């Protein structure tokens, strides 16, 4: 590179270092960005997003873009910090969401509609689980015990306890019939309103409970199992392939829904445009002010000045000189 160009680039670098830190440059750049945002707001999503390029980028994203061990450590550390913060949070979910949103959630639980067959099948599978069966057996036995104690307070409990194994064996024999009755009761049209009110009551109580209490109810073993599961998911090739497929599907769905919308409809640029411009400019200046970037820009400007061809004699310069008064 010629010495004159090198000297010029150094002078330009010094100029840009000072210029970038001036309030005048920041204001001018903010004005330019604000104008560009206004122009962008008039465009539709399909005029801004290159669908093929986005899909190509999502497909070509390297499978091992991040170190999975480090990523797992970061996720687990983030999870621990979040739990520790929530354990100290004094409020409830209702306080976080607000009263209006909380009431909307309560009202949306089990709306008046016929339950789908899949939900009934899920209920049947649930009540036939071993844990539920054991709980129902113990519940029926306890109820019989209490009833027998009332009608025979002297020897009722003793007699029942002595025959506990035989009685529970009989209960387990008739348990399938009891389980069928539970499902039928829950899904009968007459009892749907009762089930709906119960579900809303449960949701209401869950939202009224302190968030810290729910977090504290998780045992150390459950937390270690959750961390182990997170680590396995991050290292899973199948989960990564699924994530890539979901990302493509989500983008396609978003684009199909929003392609006809203007950017100004998605982002209220009239209200937030100036704040957004200031944020963008702060980030841009932070990058441009780096010595390596400033030196590169200054060198390119100096190169352009050093290799610029003189204007042709057959064409007059477009700049018109002012006449001195």
Foldseek 3Di string as FASTA:
>chain_A
DDPQLVVQLVVQLVVVLVVLPDPVNLVVQLVVQLVVVVVQLQDFQLVPDDLVVVLVCLVPPDLPPDPLVVVLVVVLVVVVVVLVVLLPFFAFLCVVVDVVVLVVVLQPFLPPDQDDPVVLVVLLVVCPDPVNLVVVLVVVLVVCQVVQCVVPVPCSNVVSVVCVVVSSVVCSVCVVVVSVVVSCQCRDPVCVVVNSVVVSVVSVVRRRDRSSVVSVPQDPVNSVVVSVVSSCLSPDPVNSVVVSVVVSVVVVVVCVVRRRPGNCVVPVCVVCVSVVSSVVSVVVSVVCSDSVNSSVVSSVVSVCVVPPDDDDPVDDDPDDDDDDD
